[in-house]
């Protein structure tokens, strides 16, 4: 799985550095270092008024904040990896 966090100027101002840190911590806590490639990206063109834009493989998600990060990670990373393992 490839997770790209926008670090363009708009997302940077909305806290992309914090989101990168949360991803790093969550990946380590769940021991997913060998399953997830974490990368930064410049503007994806999907800017939102609130939060950061994050791409998980080919799916682009907007509005990721520290407050909704846990739910986002569970639904879009953990649940997806679980489904892939069941195949």
PDB file of N, CA and C in Angstrom:
ATOM      1  N   UNK A   1       0.849  -1.172   0.000  1.00  0.00           N
ATOM      2  CA  UNK A   1       0.000   0.000   0.000  1.00  0.00           C
ATOM      3  C   UNK A   1       0.894   1.234   0.000  1.00  0.00           C
ATOM      4  N   UNK A   2       0.539   2.204  -0.823  1.00  0.00           N
ATOM      5  CA  UNK A   2       1.271   3.464  -0.877  1.00  0.00           C
ATOM      6  C   UNK A   2       0.374   4.572  -0.337  1.00  0.00           C
ATOM      7  N   UNK A   3       0.852   5.257   0.695  1.00  0.00           N
ATOM      8  CA  UNK A   3       0.132   6.372   1.296  1.00  0.00           C
ATOM      9  C   UNK A   3       0.933   7.635   1.009  1.00  0.00           C
ATOM     10  N   UNK A   4       0.306   8.586   0.312  1.00  0.00           N
ATOM     11  CA  UNK A   4       0.960   9.847   0.003  1.00  0.00           C
ATOM     12  C   UNK A   4       0.222  10.980   0.699  1.00  0.00           C
ATOM     13  N   UNK A   5       0.979  11.769   1.442  1.00  0.00           N
ATOM     14  CA  UNK A   5       0.413  12.896   2.170  1.00  0.00           C
ATOM     15  C   UNK A   5       0.828  14.165   1.453  1.00  0.00           C
ATOM     16  N   UNK A   6      -0.128  14.997   1.109  1.00  0.00           N
ATOM     17  CA  UNK A   6       0.173  16.246   0.432  1.00  0.00           C
ATOM     18  C   UNK A   6       0.956  17.156   1.377  1.00  0.00           C
ATOM     19  N   UNK A   7       2.080  17.663   0.892  1.00  0.00           N
ATOM     20  CA  UNK A   7       2.875  18.617   1.670  1.00  0.00           C
ATOM     21  C   UNK A   7       3.000  19.932   0.901  1.00  0.00           C
ATOM     22  N   UNK A   8       2.082  20.133  -0.040  1.00  0.00           N
ATOM     23  CA  UNK A   8       2.027  21.399  -0.762  1.00  0.00           C
ATOM     24  C   UNK A   8       1.694  22.526   0.198  1.00  0.00           C
ATOM     25  N   UNK A   9       1.802  23.748  -0.267  1.00  0.00           N
ATOM     26  CA  UNK A   9       1.678  24.894   0.634  1.00  0.00           C
ATOM     27  C   UNK A   9       0.350  24.936   1.391  1.00  0.00           C
ATOM     28  N   UNK A  10      -0.746  24.642   0.739  1.00  0.00           N
ATOM     29  CA  UNK A  10      -2.046  24.694   1.414  1.00  0.00           C
ATOM     30  C   UNK A  10      -2.151  23.632   2.505  1.00  0.00           C
ATOM     31  N   UNK A  11      -1.799  22.398   2.175  1.00  0.00           N
ATOM     32  CA  UNK A  11      -1.872  21.320   3.170  1.00  0.00           C
ATOM     33  C   UNK A  11      -0.816  21.517   4.263  1.00  0.00           C
ATOM     34  N   UNK A  12       0.330  22.057   3.884  1.00  0.00           N
ATOM     35  CA  UNK A  12       1.356  22.342   4.899  1.00  0.00           C
ATOM     36  C   UNK A  12       0.799  23.284   5.955  1.00  0.00           C
ATOM     37  N   UNK A  13       0.111  24.317   5.504  1.00  0.00           N
ATOM     38  CA  UNK A  13      -0.466  25.287   6.439  1.00  0.00           C
ATOM     39  C   UNK A  13      -1.589  24.678   7.282  1.00  0.00           C
ATOM     40  N   UNK A  14      -2.207  23.612   6.773  1.00  0.00           N
ATOM     41  CA  UNK A  14      -3.305  22.967   7.496  1.00  0.00           C
ATOM     42  C   UNK A  14      -2.845  21.775   8.320  1.00  0.00           C
ATOM     43  N   UNK A  15      -1.519  21.579   8.428  1.00  0.00           N
ATOM     44  CA  UNK A  15      -1.027  20.577   9.358  1.00  0.00           C
ATOM     45  C   UNK A  15      -0.523  19.279   8.788  1.00  0.00           C
ATOM     46  N   UNK A  16      -0.050  19.283   7.541  1.00  0.00           N
ATOM     47  CA  UNK A  16       0.421  18.019   6.962  1.00  0.00           C
ATOM     48  C   UNK A  16       1.568  17.409   7.772  1.00  0.00           C
ATOM     49  N   UNK A  17       2.401  18.238   8.388  1.00  0.00           N
ATOM     50  CA  UNK A  17       3.507  17.704   9.194  1.00  0.00           C
ATOM     51  C   UNK A  17       2.974  16.856  10.351  1.00  0.00           C
ATOM     52  N   UNK A  18       1.902  17.310  10.972  1.00  0.00           N
ATOM     53  CA  UNK A  18       1.276  16.564  12.070  1.00  0.00           C
ATOM     54  C   UNK A  18       0.694  15.245  11.548  1.00  0.00           C
ATOM     55  N   UNK A  19       0.065  15.277  10.381  1.00  0.00           N
ATOM     56  CA  UNK A  19      -0.530  14.067   9.802  1.00  0.00           C
ATOM     57  C   UNK A  19       0.572  13.058   9.447  1.00  0.00           C
ATOM     58  N   UNK A  20       1.689  13.532   8.924  1.00  0.00           N
ATOM     59  CA  UNK A  20       2.818  12.647   8.634  1.00  0.00           C
ATOM     60  C   UNK A  20       3.259  11.947   9.918  1.00  0.00           C
ATOM     61  N   UNK A  21       3.363  12.713  11.006  1.00  0.00           N
ATOM     62  CA  UNK A  21       3.752  12.133  12.288  1.00  0.00           C
ATOM     63  C   UNK A  21       2.761  11.099  12.788  1.00  0.00           C
ATOM     64  N   UNK A  22       1.473  11.388  12.643  1.00  0.00           N
ATOM     65  CA  UNK A  22       0.441  10.441  13.073  1.00  0.00           C
ATOM     66  C   UNK A  22       0.507   9.153  12.255  1.00  0.00           C
ATOM     67  N   UNK A  23       0.732   9.280  10.946  1.00  0.00           N
ATOM     68  CA  UNK A  23       0.869   8.084  10.113  1.00  0.00           C
ATOM     69  C   UNK A  23       2.077   7.270  10.540  1.00  0.00           C
ATOM     70  N   UNK A  24       3.201   7.933  10.740  1.00  0.00           N
ATOM     71  CA  UNK A  24       4.407   7.220  11.147  1.00  0.00           C
ATOM     72  C   UNK A  24       4.204   6.451  12.432  1.00  0.00           C
ATOM     73  N   UNK A  25       3.572   7.091  13.397  1.00  0.00           N
ATOM     74  CA  UNK A  25       3.303   6.457  14.695  1.00  0.00           C
ATOM     75  C   UNK A  25       2.346   5.277  14.535  1.00  0.00           C
ATOM     76  N   UNK A  26       1.264   5.464  13.774  1.00  0.00           N
ATOM     77  CA  UNK A  26       0.270   4.395  13.590  1.00  0.00           C
ATOM     78  C   UNK A  26       0.860   3.207  12.841  1.00  0.00           C
ATOM     79  N   UNK A  27       1.665   3.471  11.829  1.00  0.00           N
ATOM     80  CA  UNK A  27       2.300   2.388  11.079  1.00  0.00           C
ATOM     81  C   UNK A  27       3.209   1.588  11.999  1.00  0.00           C
ATOM     82  N   UNK A  28       3.969   2.284  12.824  1.00  0.00           N
ATOM     83  CA  UNK A  28       4.862   1.604  13.762  1.00  0.00           C
ATOM     84  C   UNK A  28       4.073   0.814  14.808  1.00  0.00           C
ATOM     85  N   UNK A  29       3.030   1.408  15.369  1.00  0.00           N
ATOM     86  CA  UNK A  29       2.222   0.729  16.392  1.00  0.00           C
ATOM     87  C   UNK A  29       1.594  -0.551  15.871  1.00  0.00           C
ATOM     88  N   UNK A  30       1.175  -0.538  14.620  1.00  0.00           N
ATOM     89  CA  UNK A  30       0.512  -1.702  14.020  1.00  0.00           C
ATOM     90  C   UNK A  30       1.488  -2.616  13.288  1.00  0.00           C
ATOM     91  N   UNK A  31       2.781  -2.289  13.378  1.00  0.00           N
ATOM     92  CA  UNK A  31       3.838  -3.093  12.752  1.00  0.00           C
ATOM     93  C   UNK A  31       3.588  -3.314  11.255  1.00  0.00           C
ATOM     94  N   UNK A  32       3.319  -2.201  10.567  1.00  0.00           N
ATOM     95  CA  UNK A  32       3.000  -2.257   9.142  1.00  0.00           C
ATOM     96  C   UNK A  32       4.126  -1.710   8.269  1.00  0.00           C
ATOM     97  N   UNK A  33       5.328  -1.600   8.829  1.00  0.00           N
ATOM     98  CA  UNK A  33       6.446  -1.016   8.098  1.00  0.00           C
ATOM     99  C   UNK A  33       6.728  -1.722   6.779  1.00  0.00           C
ATOM    100  N   UNK A  34       6.481  -3.028   6.713  1.00  0.00           N
ATOM    101  CA  UNK A  34       6.746  -3.795   5.495  1.00  0.00           C
ATOM    102  C   UNK A  34       5.571  -3.815   4.526  1.00  0.00           C
ATOM    103  N   UNK A  35       4.444  -3.224   4.928  1.00  0.00           N
ATOM    104  CA  UNK A  35       3.253  -3.252   4.071  1.00  0.00           C
ATOM    105  C   UNK A  35       2.866  -1.886   3.524  1.00  0.00           C
ATOM    106  N   UNK A  36       3.390  -0.816   4.136  1.00  0.00           N
ATOM    107  CA  UNK A  36       2.990   0.535   3.746  1.00  0.00           C
ATOM    108  C   UNK A  36       4.222   1.353   3.391  1.00  0.00           C
ATOM    109  N   UNK A  37       4.149   2.009   2.246  1.00  0.00           N
ATOM    110  CA  UNK A  37       5.155   2.995   1.867  1.00  0.00           C
ATOM    111  C   UNK A  37       4.539   4.362   2.127  1.00  0.00           C
ATOM    112  N   UNK A  38       5.165   5.120   2.999  1.00  0.00           N
ATOM    113  CA  UNK A  38       4.692   6.451   3.356  1.00  0.00           C
ATOM    114  C   UNK A  38       5.513   7.471   2.587  1.00  0.00           C
ATOM    115  N   UNK A  39       4.831   8.362   1.868  1.00  0.00           N
ATOM    116  CA  UNK A  39       5.530   9.340   1.041  1.00  0.00           C
ATOM    117  C   UNK A  39       4.817  10.685   1.097  1.00  0.00           C
ATOM    118  N   UNK A  40       5.557  11.708   0.792  1.00  0.00           N
ATOM    119  CA  UNK A  40       4.976  13.037   0.639  1.00  0.00           C
ATOM    120  C   UNK A  40       4.700  13.274  -0.837  1.00  0.00           C
ATOM    121  N   UNK A  41       3.782  14.169  -1.103  1.00  0.00           N
ATOM    122  CA  UNK A  41       3.516  14.549  -2.489  1.00  0.00           C
ATOM    123  C   UNK A  41       3.205  16.041  -2.511  1.00  0.00           C
ATOM    124  N   UNK A  42       3.425  16.637  -3.651  1.00  0.00           N
ATOM    125  CA  UNK A  42       3.030  18.028  -3.781  1.00  0.00           C
ATOM    126  C   UNK A  42       1.574  18.070  -4.187  1.00  0.00           C
ATOM    127  N   UNK A  43       1.036  19.208  -4.378  1.00  0.00           N
ATOM    128  CA  UNK A  43      -0.402  19.401  -4.548  1.00  0.00           C
ATOM    129  C   UNK A  43      -1.033  18.375  -5.486  1.00  0.00           C
ATOM    130  N   UNK A  44      -2.101  17.764  -4.994  1.00  0.00           N
ATOM    131  CA  UNK A  44      -2.846  16.798  -5.794  1.00  0.00           C
ATOM    132  C   UNK A  44      -4.005  17.461  -6.526  1.00  0.00           C
ATOM    133  N   UNK A  45      -4.194  18.762  -6.265  1.00  0.00           N
ATOM    134  CA  UNK A  45      -5.277  19.495  -6.910  1.00  0.00           C
ATOM    135  C   UNK A  45      -6.634  19.253  -6.281  1.00  0.00           C
ATOM    136  N   UNK A  46      -6.655  18.680  -5.099  1.00  0.00           N
ATOM    137  CA  UNK A  46      -7.916  18.383  -4.411  1.00  0.00           C
ATOM    138  C   UNK A  46      -8.001  19.149  -3.092  1.00  0.00           C
ATOM    139  N   UNK A  47      -7.486  20.360  -3.077  1.00  0.00           N
ATOM    140  CA  UNK A  47      -7.445  21.153  -1.844  1.00  0.00           C
ATOM    141  C   UNK A  47      -8.838  21.279  -1.229  1.00  0.00           C
ATOM    142  N   UNK A  48      -8.854  21.297   0.077  1.00  0.00           N
ATOM    143  CA  UNK A  48     -10.089  21.395   0.830  1.00  0.00           C
ATOM    144  C   UNK A  48      -9.910  22.515   1.852  1.00  0.00           C
ATOM    145  N   UNK A  49     -10.979  23.102   2.284  1.00  0.00           N
ATOM    146  CA  UNK A  49     -10.876  24.186   3.263  1.00  0.00           C
ATOM    147  C   UNK A  49     -10.375  23.699   4.614  1.00  0.00           C
ATOM    148  N   UNK A  50     -10.653  22.451   4.917  1.00  0.00           N
ATOM    149  CA  UNK A  50     -10.266  21.889   6.215  1.00  0.00           C
ATOM    150  C   UNK A  50      -9.410  20.658   5.968  1.00  0.00           C
ATOM    151  N   UNK A  51      -8.324  20.548   6.694  1.00  0.00           N
ATOM    152  CA  UNK A  51      -7.532  19.324   6.690  1.00  0.00           C
ATOM    153  C   UNK A  51      -6.617  19.142   5.504  1.00  0.00           C
ATOM    154  N   UNK A  52      -6.005  17.981   5.498  1.00  0.00           N
ATOM    155  CA  UNK A  52      -4.942  17.620   4.567  1.00  0.00           C
ATOM    156  C   UNK A  52      -5.463  16.579   3.574  1.00  0.00           C
ATOM    157  N   UNK A  53      -4.911  16.592   2.375  1.00  0.00           N
ATOM    158  CA  UNK A  53      -5.265  15.602   1.356  1.00  0.00           C
ATOM    159  C   UNK A  53      -4.300  14.422   1.449  1.00  0.00           C
ATOM    160  N   UNK A  54      -4.864  13.218   1.471  1.00  0.00           N
ATOM    161  CA  UNK A  54      -4.072  11.996   1.584  1.00  0.00           C
ATOM    162  C   UNK A  54      -4.547  11.020   0.502  1.00  0.00           C
ATOM    163  N   UNK A  55      -3.586  10.450  -0.231  1.00  0.00           N
ATOM    164  CA  UNK A  55      -3.899   9.417  -1.223  1.00  0.00           C
ATOM    165  C   UNK A  55      -3.490   8.064  -0.655  1.00  0.00           C
ATOM    166  N   UNK A  56      -4.407   7.114  -0.734  1.00  0.00           N
ATOM    167  CA  UNK A  56      -4.118   5.738  -0.338  1.00  0.00           C
ATOM    168  C   UNK A  56      -4.257   4.915  -1.610  1.00  0.00           C
ATOM    169  N   UNK A  57      -3.111   4.460  -2.103  1.00  0.00           N
ATOM    170  CA  UNK A  57      -3.038   3.859  -3.432  1.00  0.00           C
ATOM    171  C   UNK A  57      -3.649   4.850  -4.419  1.00  0.00           C
ATOM    172  N   UNK A  58      -4.735   4.522  -5.086  1.00  0.00           N
ATOM    173  CA  UNK A  58      -5.303   5.439  -6.080  1.00  0.00           C
ATOM    174  C   UNK A  58      -6.492   6.244  -5.556  1.00  0.00           C
ATOM    175  N   UNK A  59      -6.828   6.094  -4.286  1.00  0.00           N
ATOM    176  CA  UNK A  59      -7.972   6.807  -3.716  1.00  0.00           C
ATOM    177  C   UNK A  59      -7.514   8.079  -3.015  1.00  0.00           C
ATOM    178  N   UNK A  60      -8.093   9.221  -3.406  1.00  0.00           N
ATOM    179  CA  UNK A  60      -7.733  10.511  -2.830  1.00  0.00           C
ATOM    180  C   UNK A  60      -8.780  10.896  -1.791  1.00  0.00           C
ATOM    181  N   UNK A  61      -8.301  11.260  -0.608  1.00  0.00           N
ATOM    182  CA  UNK A  61      -9.176  11.647   0.494  1.00  0.00           C
ATOM    183  C   UNK A  61      -8.802  13.054   0.942  1.00  0.00           C
ATOM    184  N   UNK A  62      -9.797  13.870   1.184  1.00  0.00           N
ATOM    185  CA  UNK A  62      -9.540  15.239   1.628  1.00  0.00           C
ATOM    186  C   UNK A  62     -10.054  15.432   3.048  1.00  0.00           C
ATOM    187  N   UNK A  63      -9.562  16.485   3.681  1.00  0.00           N
ATOM    188  CA  UNK A  63     -10.079  16.864   4.996  1.00  0.00           C
ATOM    189  C   UNK A  63      -9.564  16.027   6.144  1.00  0.00           C
ATOM    190  N   UNK A  64      -8.374  15.446   6.033  1.00  0.00           N
ATOM    191  CA  UNK A  64      -7.836  14.628   7.113  1.00  0.00           C
ATOM    192  C   UNK A  64      -7.223  15.546   8.160  1.00  0.00           C
ATOM    193  N   UNK A  65      -7.685  15.389   9.395  1.00  0.00           N
ATOM    194  CA  UNK A  65      -7.237  16.215  10.513  1.00  0.00           C
ATOM    195  C   UNK A  65      -6.790  15.307  11.655  1.00  0.00           C
ATOM    196  N   UNK A  66      -6.074  15.847  12.619  1.00  0.00           N
ATOM    197  CA  UNK A  66      -5.722  15.025  13.785  1.00  0.00           C
ATOM    198  C   UNK A  66      -6.956  14.445  14.475  1.00  0.00           C
ATOM    199  N   UNK A  67      -8.056  15.184  14.446  1.00  0.00           N
ATOM    200  CA  UNK A  67      -9.286  14.738  15.110  1.00  0.00           C
ATOM    201  C   UNK A  67      -9.935  13.544  14.415  1.00  0.00           C
ATOM    202  N   UNK A  68      -9.858  13.474  13.100  1.00  0.00           N
ATOM    203  CA  UNK A  68     -10.495  12.345  12.400  1.00  0.00           C
ATOM    204  C   UNK A  68      -9.481  11.314  11.915  1.00  0.00           C
ATOM    205  N   UNK A  69      -8.209  11.489  12.270  1.00  0.00           N
ATOM    206  CA  UNK A  69      -7.159  10.599  11.780  1.00  0.00           C
ATOM    207  C   UNK A  69      -7.400   9.138  12.169  1.00  0.00           C
ATOM    208  N   UNK A  70      -7.731   8.871  13.418  1.00  0.00           N
ATOM    209  CA  UNK A  70      -7.887   7.476  13.869  1.00  0.00           C
ATOM    210  C   UNK A  70      -8.946   6.739  13.062  1.00  0.00           C
ATOM    211  N   UNK A  71     -10.084   7.377  12.859  1.00  0.00           N
ATOM    212  CA  UNK A  71     -11.144   6.754  12.058  1.00  0.00           C
ATOM    213  C   UNK A  71     -10.684   6.560  10.613  1.00  0.00           C
ATOM    214  N   UNK A  72     -10.025   7.574  10.059  1.00  0.00           N
ATOM    215  CA  UNK A  72      -9.519   7.481   8.689  1.00  0.00           C
ATOM    216  C   UNK A  72      -8.539   6.323   8.555  1.00  0.00           C
ATOM    217  N   UNK A  73      -7.599   6.210   9.474  1.00  0.00           N
ATOM    218  CA  UNK A  73      -6.589   5.156   9.404  1.00  0.00           C
ATOM    219  C   UNK A  73      -7.235   3.785   9.501  1.00  0.00           C
ATOM    220  N   UNK A  74      -8.175   3.638  10.406  1.00  0.00           N
ATOM    221  CA  UNK A  74      -8.852   2.348  10.564  1.00  0.00           C
ATOM    222  C   UNK A  74      -9.609   1.968   9.297  1.00  0.00           C
ATOM    223  N   UNK A  75     -10.395   2.892   8.764  1.00  0.00           N
ATOM    224  CA  UNK A  75     -11.263   2.597   7.631  1.00  0.00           C
ATOM    225  C   UNK A  75     -10.504   2.453   6.306  1.00  0.00           C
ATOM    226  N   UNK A  76      -9.501   3.293   6.100  1.00  0.00           N
ATOM    227  CA  UNK A  76      -8.861   3.367   4.789  1.00  0.00           C
ATOM    228  C   UNK A  76      -7.497   2.690   4.709  1.00  0.00           C
ATOM    229  N   UNK A  77      -6.972   2.280   5.845  1.00  0.00           N
ATOM    230  CA  UNK A  77      -5.705   1.563   5.847  1.00  0.00           C
ATOM    231  C   UNK A  77      -5.891   0.181   6.464  1.00  0.00           C
ATOM    232  N   UNK A  78      -6.226   0.128   7.741  1.00  0.00           N
ATOM    233  CA  UNK A  78      -6.330  -1.170   8.417  1.00  0.00           C
ATOM    234  C   UNK A  78      -7.379  -2.075   7.795  1.00  0.00           C
ATOM    235  N   UNK A  79      -8.581  -1.535   7.566  1.00  0.00           N
ATOM    236  CA  UNK A  79      -9.656  -2.359   6.991  1.00  0.00           C
ATOM    237  C   UNK A  79      -9.311  -2.822   5.571  1.00  0.00           C
ATOM    238  N   UNK A  80      -8.678  -1.954   4.782  1.00  0.00           N
ATOM    239  CA  UNK A  80      -8.303  -2.315   3.415  1.00  0.00           C
ATOM    240  C   UNK A  80      -7.225  -3.404   3.434  1.00  0.00           C
ATOM    241  N   UNK A  81      -6.228  -3.252   4.288  1.00  0.00           N
ATOM    242  CA  UNK A  81      -5.188  -4.283   4.390  1.00  0.00           C
ATOM    243  C   UNK A  81      -5.775  -5.615   4.847  1.00  0.00           C
ATOM    244  N   UNK A  82      -6.713  -5.569   5.764  1.00  0.00           N
ATOM    245  CA  UNK A  82      -7.349  -6.798   6.251  1.00  0.00           C
ATOM    246  C   UNK A  82      -8.071  -7.503   5.110  1.00  0.00           C
ATOM    247  N   UNK A  83      -8.810  -6.752   4.302  1.00  0.00           N
ATOM    248  CA  UNK A  83      -9.521  -7.334   3.153  1.00  0.00           C
ATOM    249  C   UNK A  83      -8.554  -7.935   2.147  1.00  0.00           C
ATOM    250  N   UNK A  84      -7.436  -7.255   1.919  1.00  0.00           N
ATOM    251  CA  UNK A  84      -6.434  -7.765   0.976  1.00  0.00           C
ATOM    252  C   UNK A  84      -5.823  -9.069   1.483  1.00  0.00           C
ATOM    253  N   UNK A  85      -5.604  -9.175   2.776  1.00  0.00           N
ATOM    254  CA  UNK A  85      -5.029 -10.396   3.345  1.00  0.00           C
ATOM    255  C   UNK A  85      -5.993 -11.568   3.238  1.00  0.00           C
ATOM    256  N   UNK A  86      -7.295 -11.294   3.268  1.00  0.00           N
ATOM    257  CA  UNK A  86      -8.305 -12.350   3.208  1.00  0.00           C
ATOM    258  C   UNK A  86      -8.490 -12.932   1.818  1.00  0.00           C
ATOM    259  N   UNK A  87      -7.945 -12.271   0.821  1.00  0.00           N
ATOM    260  CA  UNK A  87      -8.107 -12.749  -0.561  1.00  0.00           C
ATOM    261  C   UNK A  87      -7.308 -13.966  -0.821  1.00  0.00           C
TER     262      UNK A  87
END
